[in-house]
């Protein structure tokens, strides 16, 4: 019994350790990988390792419940993958575009406000987690969203086939 227990513990340790080994840390990402589009004109910016770490933490805490892995649980047709962000109106495939959305979210076609159903700065009274989110935090979250396709490739926004 003890031998079987120690084998199970060993297998768990190896599995958990393997997860940590294969996960890229912010410090491991080179400057080219950390470069993302800043605005609609195509200007780029390099995220600092701190922004990368903070963006991941904030995304998981404030957005992860509905957008785990870059999907949208409430509407699987609209994800956070690069193509979906690019085709939104207005485009959301840049830091500035995503920050704008997080401040004042609109429908995919840009015609209607969805602030009452999507956490945002505008609806912080409904979504308390958004009350303490700063512009720097929004930039870090946006950076995380734009960085993920470079790190986990097609898995980001890929849906149930990956997660």
C-alpha atoms as a PDB file:
ATOM      1  CA  UNK A   1       0.000   0.000   0.000  1.00  0.00           C
ATOM      2  CA  UNK A   2       2.801   2.389   0.941  1.00  0.00           C
ATOM      3  CA  UNK A   3       4.665   1.564  -2.266  1.00  0.00           C
ATOM      4  CA  UNK A   4       1.569   2.299  -4.351  1.00  0.00           C
ATOM      5  CA  UNK A   5       1.045   5.591  -2.482  1.00  0.00           C
ATOM      6  CA  UNK A   6       4.649   6.683  -3.088  1.00  0.00           C
ATOM      7  CA  UNK A   7       4.321   5.841  -6.802  1.00  0.00           C
ATOM      8  CA  UNK A   8       1.205   8.014  -7.054  1.00  0.00           C
ATOM      9  CA  UNK A   9       2.912  10.889  -5.256  1.00  0.00           C
ATOM     10  CA  UNK A  10       5.937  10.539  -7.546  1.00  0.00           C
ATOM     11  CA  UNK A  11       3.737  10.606 -10.652  1.00  0.00           C
ATOM     12  CA  UNK A  12       1.920  13.713  -9.397  1.00  0.00           C
ATOM     13  CA  UNK A  13       5.205  15.449  -8.654  1.00  0.00           C
ATOM     14  CA  UNK A  14       6.574  14.683 -12.118  1.00  0.00           C
ATOM     15  CA  UNK A  15       3.329  15.844 -13.740  1.00  0.00           C
ATOM     16  CA  UNK A  16       3.202  19.077 -11.782  1.00  0.00           C
ATOM     17  CA  UNK A  17       6.913  19.730 -12.266  1.00  0.00           C
ATOM     18  CA  UNK A  18       6.472  19.140 -16.010  1.00  0.00           C
ATOM     19  CA  UNK A  19       3.805  21.829 -16.132  1.00  0.00           C
ATOM     20  CA  UNK A  20       6.177  24.352 -14.614  1.00  0.00           C
ATOM     21  CA  UNK A  21       9.020  23.415 -16.919  1.00  0.00           C
ATOM     22  CA  UNK A  22       6.976  23.825 -20.098  1.00  0.00           C
ATOM     23  CA  UNK A  23       5.371  27.135 -19.094  1.00  0.00           C
ATOM     24  CA  UNK A  24       7.266  30.156 -20.380  1.00  0.00           C
ATOM     25  CA  UNK A  25       7.958  32.766 -17.748  1.00  0.00           C
ATOM     26  CA  UNK A  26       7.963  36.468 -18.534  1.00  0.00           C
ATOM     27  CA  UNK A  27      11.710  36.683 -18.077  1.00  0.00           C
ATOM     28  CA  UNK A  28      12.222  33.913 -20.677  1.00  0.00           C
ATOM     29  CA  UNK A  29      10.363  35.789 -23.404  1.00  0.00           C
ATOM     30  CA  UNK A  30      12.616  37.721 -25.740  1.00  0.00           C
ATOM     31  CA  UNK A  31      11.937  41.281 -26.842  1.00  0.00           C
ATOM     32  CA  UNK A  32      10.525  40.211 -30.217  1.00  0.00           C
ATOM     33  CA  UNK A  33       7.960  37.982 -28.510  1.00  0.00           C
ATOM     34  CA  UNK A  34       7.012  40.741 -26.053  1.00  0.00           C
ATOM     35  CA  UNK A  35       6.444  43.218 -28.903  1.00  0.00           C
ATOM     36  CA  UNK A  36       2.743  43.894 -29.530  1.00  0.00           C
ATOM     37  CA  UNK A  37       0.729  46.402 -31.549  1.00  0.00           C
ATOM     38  CA  UNK A  38       0.027  49.602 -29.598  1.00  0.00           C
ATOM     39  CA  UNK A  39      -2.480  51.431 -31.822  1.00  0.00           C
ATOM     40  CA  UNK A  40      -4.521  51.280 -35.015  1.00  0.00           C
ATOM     41  CA  UNK A  41      -1.684  52.913 -36.972  1.00  0.00           C
ATOM     42  CA  UNK A  42       0.460  49.830 -36.344  1.00  0.00           C
ATOM     43  CA  UNK A  43       2.880  51.386 -33.858  1.00  0.00           C
ATOM     44  CA  UNK A  44       4.375  48.681 -31.652  1.00  0.00           C
ATOM     45  CA  UNK A  45       5.471  48.573 -28.039  1.00  0.00           C
ATOM     46  CA  UNK A  46       7.565  46.125 -26.048  1.00  0.00           C
ATOM     47  CA  UNK A  47       5.962  44.832 -22.883  1.00  0.00           C
ATOM     48  CA  UNK A  48       8.246  44.667 -19.890  1.00  0.00           C
ATOM     49  CA  UNK A  49       8.586  41.331 -18.089  1.00  0.00           C
ATOM     50  CA  UNK A  50       6.696  42.931 -15.180  1.00  0.00           C
ATOM     51  CA  UNK A  51       3.802  43.912 -17.490  1.00  0.00           C
ATOM     52  CA  UNK A  52       3.697  40.359 -18.826  1.00  0.00           C
ATOM     53  CA  UNK A  53       3.499  38.856 -15.334  1.00  0.00           C
ATOM     54  CA  UNK A  54       0.999  41.424 -14.099  1.00  0.00           C
ATOM     55  CA  UNK A  55      -1.136  41.080 -17.222  1.00  0.00           C
ATOM     56  CA  UNK A  56      -1.383  37.327 -16.784  1.00  0.00           C
ATOM     57  CA  UNK A  57      -2.271  37.632 -13.103  1.00  0.00           C
ATOM     58  CA  UNK A  58      -4.871  40.349 -13.706  1.00  0.00           C
ATOM     59  CA  UNK A  59      -6.379  38.572 -16.717  1.00  0.00           C
ATOM     60  CA  UNK A  60      -6.778  35.357 -14.733  1.00  0.00           C
ATOM     61  CA  UNK A  61      -8.325  37.224 -11.788  1.00  0.00           C
ATOM     62  CA  UNK A  62     -10.671  39.555 -13.672  1.00  0.00           C
ATOM     63  CA  UNK A  63     -11.286  37.941 -17.056  1.00  0.00           C
ATOM     64  CA  UNK A  64     -10.398  34.267 -16.681  1.00  0.00           C
ATOM     65  CA  UNK A  65     -13.804  33.095 -15.500  1.00  0.00           C
ATOM     66  CA  UNK A  66     -15.345  33.868 -18.901  1.00  0.00           C
ATOM     67  CA  UNK A  67     -12.283  33.996 -21.176  1.00  0.00           C
ATOM     68  CA  UNK A  68     -10.127  31.053 -20.091  1.00  0.00           C
ATOM     69  CA  UNK A  69      -7.825  30.128 -22.958  1.00  0.00           C
ATOM     70  CA  UNK A  70      -8.993  33.066 -25.073  1.00  0.00           C
ATOM     71  CA  UNK A  71     -12.532  31.836 -25.613  1.00  0.00           C
ATOM     72  CA  UNK A  72     -15.739  33.626 -24.657  1.00  0.00           C
ATOM     73  CA  UNK A  73     -17.930  31.281 -22.634  1.00  0.00           C
ATOM     74  CA  UNK A  74     -21.024  33.452 -23.047  1.00  0.00           C
ATOM     75  CA  UNK A  75     -20.599  33.617 -26.845  1.00  0.00           C
ATOM     76  CA  UNK A  76     -18.283  30.945 -28.290  1.00  0.00           C
ATOM     77  CA  UNK A  77     -18.509  32.604 -31.724  1.00  0.00           C
ATOM     78  CA  UNK A  78     -16.454  35.575 -30.510  1.00  0.00           C
ATOM     79  CA  UNK A  79     -13.082  34.785 -28.989  1.00  0.00           C
ATOM     80  CA  UNK A  80      -9.927  36.665 -28.136  1.00  0.00           C
ATOM     81  CA  UNK A  81      -7.908  35.196 -30.985  1.00  0.00           C
ATOM     82  CA  UNK A  82      -6.170  37.650 -33.361  1.00  0.00           C
ATOM     83  CA  UNK A  83      -8.659  37.184 -36.199  1.00  0.00           C
ATOM     84  CA  UNK A  84     -11.698  37.853 -34.000  1.00  0.00           C
ATOM     85  CA  UNK A  85     -10.055  40.952 -32.508  1.00  0.00           C
ATOM     86  CA  UNK A  86      -9.125  42.243 -35.959  1.00  0.00           C
ATOM     87  CA  UNK A  87     -12.629  41.765 -37.388  1.00  0.00           C
ATOM     88  CA  UNK A  88     -14.396  43.539 -34.506  1.00  0.00           C
ATOM     89  CA  UNK A  89     -15.718  47.055 -35.076  1.00  0.00           C
ATOM     90  CA  UNK A  90     -13.835  49.018 -33.991  1.00  0.00           C
ATOM     91  CA  UNK A  91     -10.793  46.767 -34.250  1.00  0.00           C
ATOM     92  CA  UNK A  92      -9.565  45.352 -30.944  1.00  0.00           C
ATOM     93  CA  UNK A  93      -6.238  43.925 -32.106  1.00  0.00           C
ATOM     94  CA  UNK A  94      -4.079  46.536 -30.362  1.00  0.00           C
ATOM     95  CA  UNK A  95      -3.358  47.682 -26.824  1.00  0.00           C
ATOM     96  CA  UNK A  96      -5.331  50.894 -27.368  1.00  0.00           C
ATOM     97  CA  UNK A  97      -8.280  49.032 -28.926  1.00  0.00           C
ATOM     98  CA  UNK A  98      -8.520  46.548 -26.069  1.00  0.00           C
ATOM     99  CA  UNK A  99      -8.107  49.216 -23.389  1.00  0.00           C
ATOM    100  CA  UNK A 100     -10.910  51.185 -25.048  1.00  0.00           C
ATOM    101  CA  UNK A 101     -13.099  48.077 -24.972  1.00  0.00           C
ATOM    102  CA  UNK A 102     -12.306  47.416 -21.310  1.00  0.00           C
ATOM    103  CA  UNK A 103     -13.316  50.971 -20.470  1.00  0.00           C
ATOM    104  CA  UNK A 104     -16.465  51.055 -22.598  1.00  0.00           C
ATOM    105  CA  UNK A 105     -17.388  47.657 -24.100  1.00  0.00           C
ATOM    106  CA  UNK A 106     -19.545  47.467 -27.197  1.00  0.00           C
ATOM    107  CA  UNK A 107     -21.075  44.654 -29.213  1.00  0.00           C
ATOM    108  CA  UNK A 108     -18.897  42.981 -31.848  1.00  0.00           C
ATOM    109  CA  UNK A 109     -20.300  45.310 -34.521  1.00  0.00           C
ATOM    110  CA  UNK A 110     -19.673  48.332 -32.287  1.00  0.00           C
ATOM    111  CA  UNK A 111     -23.289  49.499 -32.403  1.00  0.00           C
ATOM    112  CA  UNK A 112     -24.448  48.814 -28.846  1.00  0.00           C
ATOM    113  CA  UNK A 113     -22.970  49.267 -25.395  1.00  0.00           C
ATOM    114  CA  UNK A 114     -22.643  45.985 -23.495  1.00  0.00           C
ATOM    115  CA  UNK A 115     -21.359  47.606 -20.292  1.00  0.00           C
ATOM    116  CA  UNK A 116     -24.242  46.144 -18.290  1.00  0.00           C
ATOM    117  CA  UNK A 117     -23.275  42.567 -19.184  1.00  0.00           C
ATOM    118  CA  UNK A 118     -19.481  42.818 -19.581  1.00  0.00           C
ATOM    119  CA  UNK A 119     -17.126  43.936 -16.795  1.00  0.00           C
ATOM    120  CA  UNK A 120     -15.638  47.325 -17.578  1.00  0.00           C
ATOM    121  CA  UNK A 121     -14.519  50.561 -16.001  1.00  0.00           C
ATOM    122  CA  UNK A 122     -17.851  52.082 -17.083  1.00  0.00           C
ATOM    123  CA  UNK A 123     -19.758  49.415 -15.158  1.00  0.00           C
ATOM    124  CA  UNK A 124     -17.527  49.248 -12.069  1.00  0.00           C
ATOM    125  CA  UNK A 125     -20.572  49.750  -9.870  1.00  0.00           C
ATOM    126  CA  UNK A 126     -21.945  46.411 -11.156  1.00  0.00           C
ATOM    127  CA  UNK A 127     -18.559  44.629 -11.323  1.00  0.00           C
ATOM    128  CA  UNK A 128     -16.640  45.502  -8.130  1.00  0.00           C
ATOM    129  CA  UNK A 129     -13.391  43.909  -9.367  1.00  0.00           C
ATOM    130  CA  UNK A 130     -13.143  46.679 -11.958  1.00  0.00           C
ATOM    131  CA  UNK A 131     -13.206  49.451  -9.327  1.00  0.00           C
ATOM    132  CA  UNK A 132      -9.510  49.265  -8.550  1.00  0.00           C
ATOM    133  CA  UNK A 133      -8.256  48.543 -12.081  1.00  0.00           C
ATOM    134  CA  UNK A 134      -5.964  51.320 -13.352  1.00  0.00           C
ATOM    135  CA  UNK A 135      -4.988  52.278 -16.904  1.00  0.00           C
ATOM    136  CA  UNK A 136      -1.654  50.516 -16.340  1.00  0.00           C
ATOM    137  CA  UNK A 137      -3.578  47.402 -15.312  1.00  0.00           C
ATOM    138  CA  UNK A 138      -5.733  47.612 -18.452  1.00  0.00           C
ATOM    139  CA  UNK A 139      -2.597  47.936 -20.576  1.00  0.00           C
ATOM    140  CA  UNK A 140      -1.103  44.857 -18.895  1.00  0.00           C
ATOM    141  CA  UNK A 141      -4.322  42.852 -19.459  1.00  0.00           C
ATOM    142  CA  UNK A 142      -4.454  43.939 -23.103  1.00  0.00           C
ATOM    143  CA  UNK A 143      -0.794  42.999 -23.500  1.00  0.00           C
ATOM    144  CA  UNK A 144      -1.521  39.542 -22.096  1.00  0.00           C
ATOM    145  CA  UNK A 145      -4.354  39.019 -24.582  1.00  0.00           C
ATOM    146  CA  UNK A 146      -2.177  40.068 -27.532  1.00  0.00           C
ATOM    147  CA  UNK A 147       0.832  38.074 -26.324  1.00  0.00           C
ATOM    148  CA  UNK A 148      -0.908  34.721 -25.896  1.00  0.00           C
ATOM    149  CA  UNK A 149      -1.170  33.826 -29.609  1.00  0.00           C
ATOM    150  CA  UNK A 150       2.622  34.152 -29.796  1.00  0.00           C
ATOM    151  CA  UNK A 151       3.132  31.838 -26.829  1.00  0.00           C
ATOM    152  CA  UNK A 152       0.460  29.157 -27.112  1.00  0.00           C
ATOM    153  CA  UNK A 153      -0.293  29.746 -30.817  1.00  0.00           C
ATOM    154  CA  UNK A 154      -3.569  28.338 -32.141  1.00  0.00           C
ATOM    155  CA  UNK A 155      -4.589  27.102 -28.702  1.00  0.00           C
ATOM    156  CA  UNK A 156      -5.432  30.705 -27.734  1.00  0.00           C
ATOM    157  CA  UNK A 157      -9.075  31.067 -28.657  1.00  0.00           C
ATOM    158  CA  UNK A 158      -9.142  27.512 -29.968  1.00  0.00           C
ATOM    159  CA  UNK A 159     -11.962  26.405 -27.689  1.00  0.00           C
ATOM    160  CA  UNK A 160     -12.769  23.002 -26.274  1.00  0.00           C
ATOM    161  CA  UNK A 161     -10.456  21.086 -28.552  1.00  0.00           C
ATOM    162  CA  UNK A 162      -7.534  22.460 -26.538  1.00  0.00           C
ATOM    163  CA  UNK A 163      -8.919  23.119 -23.055  1.00  0.00           C
END
